């Protein structure tokens, strides 16, 4: 099995700490190591060094080199432009299938917290084993929801497809992306729904076949890239073809449209560090429900997340349910339940020339 750590995202909902020049996966959000370093360390018990690749954007390739100095250059997959996860997954599959025909790929995120690393590795091996009996299936890890979260995608599991070493593997009946609060609560109560962790195990050839079926124009570009692998023209072809690929999430491009998708229920103490409000899923809060980092003083404050990283004291008095993030050049203050709307701030900044330097 080949392992690809996807590290090309910008992490806009963690602005102003996460920026285009240094997105969240290159920060230590939940420990001593950066999230990217954690993602690689987590799979080392089951992955040979030569089987680990990192996929990232051209602007972040230098950061990957700094944080993973032992990673050989040929195991760094560089995306010439930001085109969402569909083209990124297509590129990794085209390259790996050309180099290792028939290979199985574990396509994993770099911005997740996973408290039970050993169990995570075991479930990846379960998926690898299940693929031997069902090579045309896509396998995803699904996490049992602990609350009605509106910021995650959901998987409705169906009947058991296979059982591997006592671990049931379920057929997927449907995907739902970011439901409203009432629907999310119903899903939790139902018991048949799992959070979509966006971590997958599949055969590279199967993924490419699905692109051919559902996104034929993208597939044509990927095939031109694949044909150039190992030649003197490889880099030039990737640079020419990749930016022209349709910008689309892999879920929308192929996964939600495929008939043969399976999920494995993962009890791995998982958290998607996708917003400031979600940090309390993975980091311990104090008795008042506050998560405080940096030089922070509170008086009568509850259920608030405060990151003070600008070299000055941040003081809060008599407030609750807030997010406060203070950096050298930007300050964010919002209600905790509005933290997903940070993207709207980025859109405003993007629209004004004088503010783009803060993105």
Protein backbone atom coordinates (compact mmCIF):
# COMPACT_ATOMS: atom_id res chain seq x y z
CA UNK A 1 0.00 0.00 0.00
CA UNK A 2 1.18 3.50 -0.91
CA UNK A 3 0.33 6.39 1.41
CA UNK A 4 -0.35 9.94 0.25
CA UNK A 5 -0.66 12.72 2.82
CA UNK A 6 -2.66 15.53 1.24
CA UNK A 7 -1.19 18.85 2.42
CA UNK A 8 -2.33 21.32 -0.20
CA UNK A 9 -5.23 23.03 1.60
CA UNK A 10 -5.24 26.60 2.86
CA UNK A 11 -7.31 26.15 6.03
CA UNK A 12 -9.25 29.37 5.57
CA UNK A 13 -11.53 28.82 8.58
CA UNK A 14 -8.51 29.04 10.91
CA UNK A 15 -7.56 32.51 9.71
CA UNK A 16 -5.75 34.63 10.83
CA UNK A 17 -3.43 31.94 12.24
CA UNK A 18 -3.62 29.86 9.05
CA UNK A 19 -2.55 31.85 5.98
CA UNK A 20 -1.81 31.12 2.35
CA UNK A 21 1.91 31.39 3.04
CA UNK A 22 1.68 28.97 5.98
CA UNK A 23 -1.58 26.99 6.23
CA UNK A 24 -2.75 25.16 9.33
CA UNK A 25 -1.14 21.79 8.49
CA UNK A 26 2.27 23.43 8.93
CA UNK A 27 1.42 24.61 12.46
CA UNK A 28 1.47 22.69 15.76
CA UNK A 29 -2.25 22.99 16.51
CA UNK A 30 -2.65 20.01 18.85
CA UNK A 31 0.79 18.97 20.06
CA UNK A 32 4.53 19.54 19.79
CA UNK A 33 4.79 18.48 16.15
CA UNK A 34 3.07 20.22 13.27
CA UNK A 35 -0.05 18.55 11.93
CA UNK A 36 1.83 17.43 8.82
CA UNK A 37 4.58 15.86 10.92
CA UNK A 38 1.93 14.13 13.04
CA UNK A 39 0.23 12.75 9.92
CA UNK A 40 3.47 11.16 8.74
CA UNK A 41 4.52 9.87 12.17
CA UNK A 42 1.09 8.26 12.65
CA UNK A 43 1.46 5.87 9.71
CA UNK A 44 5.13 4.99 10.17
CA UNK A 45 4.33 1.74 12.04
CA UNK A 46 2.75 0.30 8.87
CA UNK A 47 4.37 2.32 6.07
CA UNK A 48 7.87 1.83 4.71
CA UNK A 49 9.67 5.17 4.21
CA UNK A 50 9.62 4.68 0.45
CA UNK A 51 5.84 4.23 0.43
CA UNK A 52 5.00 7.65 1.94
CA UNK A 53 4.27 10.58 -0.38
CA UNK A 54 3.12 14.11 0.39
CA UNK A 55 0.96 16.07 -2.01
CA UNK A 56 1.02 19.87 -1.76
CA UNK A 57 0.87 23.09 -3.74
CA UNK A 58 3.93 24.57 -5.38
CA UNK A 59 3.98 27.49 -2.94
CA UNK A 60 4.14 25.12 0.04
CA UNK A 61 6.70 22.64 -1.29
CA UNK A 62 9.46 24.46 0.59
CA UNK A 63 7.56 24.16 3.88
CA UNK A 64 7.19 20.41 3.36
CA UNK A 65 10.93 20.16 2.78
CA UNK A 66 11.65 22.10 5.98
CA UNK A 67 9.30 20.04 8.13
CA UNK A 68 10.02 16.64 6.54
CA UNK A 69 13.72 16.83 5.61
CA UNK A 70 13.98 13.03 5.27
CA UNK A 71 11.30 12.90 2.54
CA UNK A 72 12.99 12.28 -0.85
CA UNK A 73 12.16 14.77 -3.59
CA UNK A 74 10.61 12.06 -5.75
CA UNK A 75 8.04 11.37 -3.00
CA UNK A 76 6.80 14.95 -3.03
CA UNK A 77 3.83 15.43 -5.38
CA UNK A 78 3.66 19.09 -6.31
CA UNK A 79 0.39 20.59 -7.55
CA UNK A 80 1.20 23.54 -9.87
CA UNK A 81 -2.09 25.29 -9.00
CA UNK A 82 -4.89 25.11 -6.43
CA UNK A 83 -7.63 23.01 -8.09
CA UNK A 84 -9.39 21.39 -5.09
CA UNK A 85 -9.19 17.74 -4.02
CA UNK A 86 -10.54 16.20 -7.24
CA UNK A 87 -7.53 17.06 -9.40
CA UNK A 88 -5.17 16.50 -6.44
CA UNK A 89 -6.42 12.93 -5.99
CA UNK A 90 -6.40 12.41 -9.75
CA UNK A 91 -2.78 13.55 -9.96
CA UNK A 92 -1.59 11.29 -7.14
CA UNK A 93 -3.37 8.30 -8.67
CA UNK A 94 -2.03 9.00 -12.18
CA UNK A 95 1.54 9.29 -10.90
CA UNK A 96 1.43 6.27 -8.60
CA UNK A 97 -0.35 4.01 -11.10
CA UNK A 98 2.32 4.84 -13.67
CA UNK A 99 5.13 4.09 -11.22
CA UNK A 100 3.51 1.12 -9.44
CA UNK A 101 0.86 -0.46 -11.69
CA UNK A 102 -2.03 -1.98 -9.74
CA UNK A 103 -1.12 -0.18 -6.52
CA UNK A 104 -3.41 0.44 -3.55
CA UNK A 105 -3.38 4.01 -2.23
CA UNK A 106 -4.34 5.33 1.20
CA UNK A 107 -5.21 8.97 0.56
CA UNK A 108 -5.11 10.76 3.90
CA UNK A 109 -5.52 14.28 5.22
CA UNK A 110 -2.84 16.28 7.00
CA UNK A 111 -5.14 18.43 9.14
CA UNK A 112 -6.91 15.90 11.36
CA UNK A 113 -6.40 15.03 15.00
CA UNK A 114 -6.36 11.29 15.67
CA UNK A 115 -5.90 10.26 19.27
CA UNK A 116 -5.80 6.50 18.62
CA UNK A 117 -3.06 6.13 16.04
CA UNK A 118 -2.63 2.36 16.47
CA UNK A 119 -6.33 1.75 15.79
CA UNK A 120 -6.19 4.08 12.80
CA UNK A 121 -3.35 2.03 11.29
CA UNK A 122 -5.25 -1.20 11.96
CA UNK A 123 -8.31 0.08 10.10
CA UNK A 124 -6.22 1.12 7.11
CA UNK A 125 -4.95 -2.45 6.98
CA UNK A 126 -8.54 -3.73 7.24
CA UNK A 127 -9.44 -1.63 4.20
CA UNK A 128 -6.38 -2.92 2.36
CA UNK A 129 -7.46 -6.49 3.08
CA UNK A 130 -11.07 -5.81 2.05
CA UNK A 131 -9.84 -4.47 -1.29
CA UNK A 132 -8.48 -7.90 -2.15
CA UNK A 133 -12.03 -9.26 -2.27
CA UNK A 134 -13.60 -6.06 -3.64
CA UNK A 135 -10.97 -4.34 -5.83
CA UNK A 136 -13.48 -2.09 -7.57
CA UNK A 137 -14.73 -0.50 -4.32
CA UNK A 138 -13.73 2.78 -2.74
CA UNK A 139 -13.24 2.54 1.04
CA UNK A 140 -13.62 5.43 3.46
CA UNK A 141 -13.23 5.70 7.22
CA UNK A 142 -16.41 6.91 8.93
CA UNK A 143 -16.41 8.31 12.46
CA UNK A 144 -19.31 7.83 14.89
CA UNK A 145 -20.75 11.32 15.47
CA UNK A 146 -20.73 12.67 19.00
CA UNK A 147 -23.01 15.64 18.29
CA UNK A 148 -25.11 17.16 15.52
CA UNK A 149 -22.24 18.90 13.73
CA UNK A 150 -23.31 21.00 10.71
CA UNK A 151 -19.77 21.55 9.40
CA UNK A 152 -19.07 17.90 8.47
CA UNK A 153 -20.22 15.58 5.74
CA UNK A 154 -22.17 12.45 6.71
CA UNK A 155 -22.20 8.86 5.44
CA UNK A 156 -25.27 6.66 5.73
CA UNK A 157 -24.08 3.11 6.16
CA UNK A 158 -25.98 0.16 4.72
CA UNK A 159 -25.62 -3.60 4.90
CA UNK A 160 -22.37 -5.36 5.70
CA UNK A 161 -20.23 -5.92 2.62
CA UNK A 162 -17.42 -7.87 4.25
CA UNK A 163 -16.00 -8.72 7.64
CA UNK A 164 -12.24 -8.57 8.09
CA UNK A 165 -10.71 -9.91 11.31
CA UNK A 166 -13.99 -9.28 13.09
CA UNK A 167 -14.31 -5.74 11.72
CA UNK A 168 -17.50 -5.13 9.70
CA UNK A 169 -17.18 -3.18 6.47
CA UNK A 170 -20.44 -1.56 5.37
CA UNK A 171 -21.80 -0.56 2.00
CA UNK A 172 -22.47 3.16 1.72
CA UNK A 173 -26.07 4.09 0.97
CA UNK A 174 -25.71 7.86 0.69
CA UNK A 175 -23.58 10.92 1.39
CA UNK A 176 -24.91 14.17 2.81
CA UNK A 177 -22.78 17.29 2.88
CA UNK A 178 -23.09 19.69 5.85
CA UNK A 179 -26.76 19.29 6.86
CA UNK A 180 -28.66 21.87 8.87
CA UNK A 181 -28.77 21.58 12.66
CA UNK A 182 -32.10 19.73 12.83
CA UNK A 183 -31.07 17.17 10.22
CA UNK A 184 -27.66 16.65 11.84
CA UNK A 185 -29.39 15.95 15.17
CA UNK A 186 -31.63 13.40 13.46
CA UNK A 187 -28.59 11.68 11.97
CA UNK A 188 -26.97 11.32 15.38
CA UNK A 189 -30.18 9.91 16.85
CA UNK A 190 -30.62 7.52 13.92
CA UNK A 191 -27.38 5.67 14.58
CA UNK A 192 -26.76 4.74 10.94
CA UNK A 193 -24.80 7.86 10.06
CA UNK A 194 -21.06 8.48 10.35
CA UNK A 195 -18.98 11.58 9.92
CA UNK A 196 -17.03 11.51 6.66
CA UNK A 197 -13.37 11.79 7.66
CA UNK A 198 -12.23 12.21 4.02
CA UNK A 199 -9.66 9.46 4.45
CA UNK A 200 -9.75 6.81 1.76
CA UNK A 201 -8.23 3.52 0.64
CA UNK A 202 -8.61 2.47 -3.00
CA UNK A 203 -6.86 1.17 -6.06
CA UNK A 204 -5.42 3.99 -8.11
CA UNK A 205 -6.68 2.36 -11.31
CA UNK A 206 -10.25 2.26 -9.96
CA UNK A 207 -10.16 5.98 -9.18
CA UNK A 208 -8.88 6.77 -12.68
CA UNK A 209 -11.63 4.64 -14.21
CA UNK A 210 -14.21 6.64 -12.26
CA UNK A 211 -12.74 9.89 -13.53
CA UNK A 212 -13.02 8.50 -17.06
CA UNK A 213 -16.69 7.73 -16.44
CA UNK A 214 -17.81 10.87 -14.59
CA UNK A 215 -15.24 13.54 -15.53
CA UNK A 216 -13.95 12.54 -18.99
CA UNK A 217 -12.23 15.85 -19.76
CA UNK A 218 -10.31 15.69 -16.50
CA UNK A 219 -9.42 12.08 -17.20
CA UNK A 220 -7.94 13.02 -20.58
CA UNK A 221 -5.63 15.51 -18.89
CA UNK A 222 -4.66 12.96 -16.23
CA UNK A 223 -3.85 10.42 -18.93
CA UNK A 224 -1.54 12.88 -20.66
CA UNK A 225 0.22 13.34 -17.32
CA UNK A 226 0.41 9.60 -16.72
CA UNK A 227 1.90 9.00 -20.17
CA UNK A 228 4.71 11.45 -19.39
CA UNK A 229 5.71 9.91 -16.04
CA UNK A 230 9.35 8.84 -16.09
CA UNK A 231 10.20 10.90 -19.18
CA UNK A 232 12.12 14.13 -19.50
CA UNK A 233 8.81 15.88 -20.15
CA UNK A 234 7.07 14.83 -16.92
CA UNK A 235 7.40 18.13 -15.06
CA UNK A 236 6.51 20.20 -18.11
CA UNK A 237 3.40 18.15 -18.85
CA UNK A 238 2.18 18.38 -15.26
CA UNK A 239 2.77 22.16 -15.31
CA UNK A 240 0.77 22.46 -18.54
CA UNK A 241 -2.09 20.03 -17.87
CA UNK A 242 -2.82 20.35 -14.16
CA UNK A 243 -3.89 24.02 -14.01
CA UNK A 244 -6.42 23.31 -16.79
CA UNK A 245 -8.17 20.55 -14.81
CA UNK A 246 -11.66 21.27 -13.49
CA UNK A 247 -11.62 22.61 -9.92
CA UNK A 248 -13.90 20.21 -8.03
CA UNK A 249 -13.88 18.28 -4.75
CA UNK A 250 -13.17 14.58 -5.14
CA UNK A 251 -16.42 13.82 -3.30
CA UNK A 252 -18.46 15.65 -5.93
CA UNK A 253 -16.37 14.44 -8.85
CA UNK A 254 -16.47 10.69 -8.26
CA UNK A 255 -17.12 9.43 -4.71
CA UNK A 256 -20.74 10.51 -4.33
CA UNK A 257 -21.49 9.31 -7.88
CA UNK A 258 -19.87 5.88 -7.60
CA UNK A 259 -22.06 2.84 -6.86
CA UNK A 260 -19.39 0.80 -5.10
CA UNK A 261 -18.36 2.66 -1.97
CA UNK A 262 -17.84 1.11 1.46
CA UNK A 263 -17.14 2.53 4.91
CA UNK A 264 -15.43 1.27 8.04
CA UNK A 265 -16.61 2.57 11.40
CA UNK A 266 -13.59 4.21 12.99
CA UNK A 267 -13.35 4.74 16.75
CA UNK A 268 -10.09 6.65 16.58
CA UNK A 269 -10.68 9.77 18.72
CA UNK A 270 -10.92 11.84 15.56
CA UNK A 271 -11.32 15.56 15.15
CA UNK A 272 -11.27 17.72 12.05
CA UNK A 273 -9.44 20.84 13.13
CA UNK A 274 -11.38 22.83 10.58
CA UNK A 275 -12.51 25.81 12.61
CA UNK A 276 -11.68 27.64 15.82
CA UNK A 277 -14.80 26.24 17.46
CA UNK A 278 -13.70 22.67 16.67
CA UNK A 279 -10.44 22.94 18.63
CA UNK A 280 -12.23 21.98 21.83
CA UNK A 281 -12.97 18.63 20.20
CA UNK A 282 -9.31 17.70 20.43
CA UNK A 283 -7.76 19.92 23.10
CA UNK A 284 -8.82 20.00 26.75
CA UNK A 285 -10.73 23.06 27.97
CA UNK A 286 -10.57 24.34 31.53
CA UNK A 287 -13.38 24.01 34.08
CA UNK A 288 -15.18 27.01 32.56
CA UNK A 289 -15.02 25.52 29.07
CA UNK A 290 -12.27 27.89 27.92
CA UNK A 291 -9.42 26.92 25.60
CA UNK A 292 -6.62 29.44 26.13
CA UNK A 293 -3.28 29.66 24.32
CA UNK A 294 -0.67 32.35 24.75
CA UNK A 295 -0.71 35.19 27.26
CA UNK A 296 -4.40 35.33 28.14
CA UNK A 297 -6.12 36.70 31.25
CA UNK A 298 -9.81 36.03 31.84
CA UNK A 299 -12.30 37.33 34.40
CA UNK A 300 -15.72 35.71 34.46
CA UNK A 301 -15.31 34.15 30.99
CA UNK A 302 -16.84 30.87 29.81
CA UNK A 303 -16.85 28.57 26.77
CA UNK A 304 -14.41 30.71 24.81
CA UNK A 305 -11.39 29.92 22.64
CA UNK A 306 -8.58 32.47 22.81
CA UNK A 307 -5.29 32.37 20.88
CA UNK A 308 -2.98 35.22 21.85
CA UNK A 309 0.15 34.85 19.72
CA UNK A 310 1.09 38.50 19.12
CA UNK A 311 3.44 38.98 22.08
CA UNK A 312 0.95 40.92 24.18
CA UNK A 313 -1.58 40.08 26.85
CA UNK A 314 -5.16 39.40 25.75
CA UNK A 315 -7.68 40.14 28.51
CA UNK A 316 -11.39 39.20 28.47
CA UNK A 317 -14.01 40.18 31.04
CA UNK A 318 -17.57 38.97 31.45
CA UNK A 319 -18.04 37.27 28.07
CA UNK A 320 -18.89 33.78 26.89
CA UNK A 321 -19.05 31.70 23.72
CA UNK A 322 -16.41 33.77 21.90
CA UNK A 323 -13.45 33.10 19.63
CA UNK A 324 -10.59 35.59 19.88
CA UNK A 325 -7.46 35.12 17.77
CA UNK A 326 -4.74 37.77 17.98
CA UNK A 327 -1.74 37.72 15.63
CA UNK A 328 0.88 40.31 14.72
CA UNK A 329 -1.17 41.83 11.89
CA UNK A 330 -4.78 40.65 12.34
CA UNK A 331 -7.38 40.23 15.08
CA UNK A 332 -10.43 37.97 14.84
CA UNK A 333 -13.38 38.18 17.25
CA UNK A 334 -16.59 36.23 16.64
CA UNK A 335 -19.29 34.23 18.34
CA UNK A 336 -18.20 30.65 18.73
CA UNK A 337 -21.21 29.31 16.81
CA UNK A 338 -20.38 31.68 13.94
CA UNK A 339 -16.77 30.47 13.57
CA UNK A 340 -17.51 28.72 10.26
CA UNK A 341 -18.14 32.17 8.73
CA UNK A 342 -14.48 33.14 8.80
CA UNK A 343 -14.46 32.24 5.10
CA UNK A 344 -16.70 35.26 4.51
CA UNK A 345 -14.02 37.52 5.95
CA UNK A 346 -11.48 36.03 3.55
CA UNK A 347 -13.83 36.70 0.65
CA UNK A 348 -14.06 40.36 1.71
CA UNK A 349 -10.29 40.63 2.01
CA UNK A 350 -9.81 39.01 -1.38
CA UNK A 351 -12.04 41.63 -2.94
CA UNK A 352 -9.97 44.59 -1.75
CA UNK A 353 -6.45 45.11 -3.12
CA UNK A 354 -5.14 46.76 0.05
CA UNK A 355 -6.31 43.85 2.21
CA UNK A 356 -5.09 40.89 0.18
CA UNK A 357 -1.76 40.88 2.01
CA UNK A 358 -3.61 39.64 5.11
CA UNK A 359 -4.92 36.46 3.47
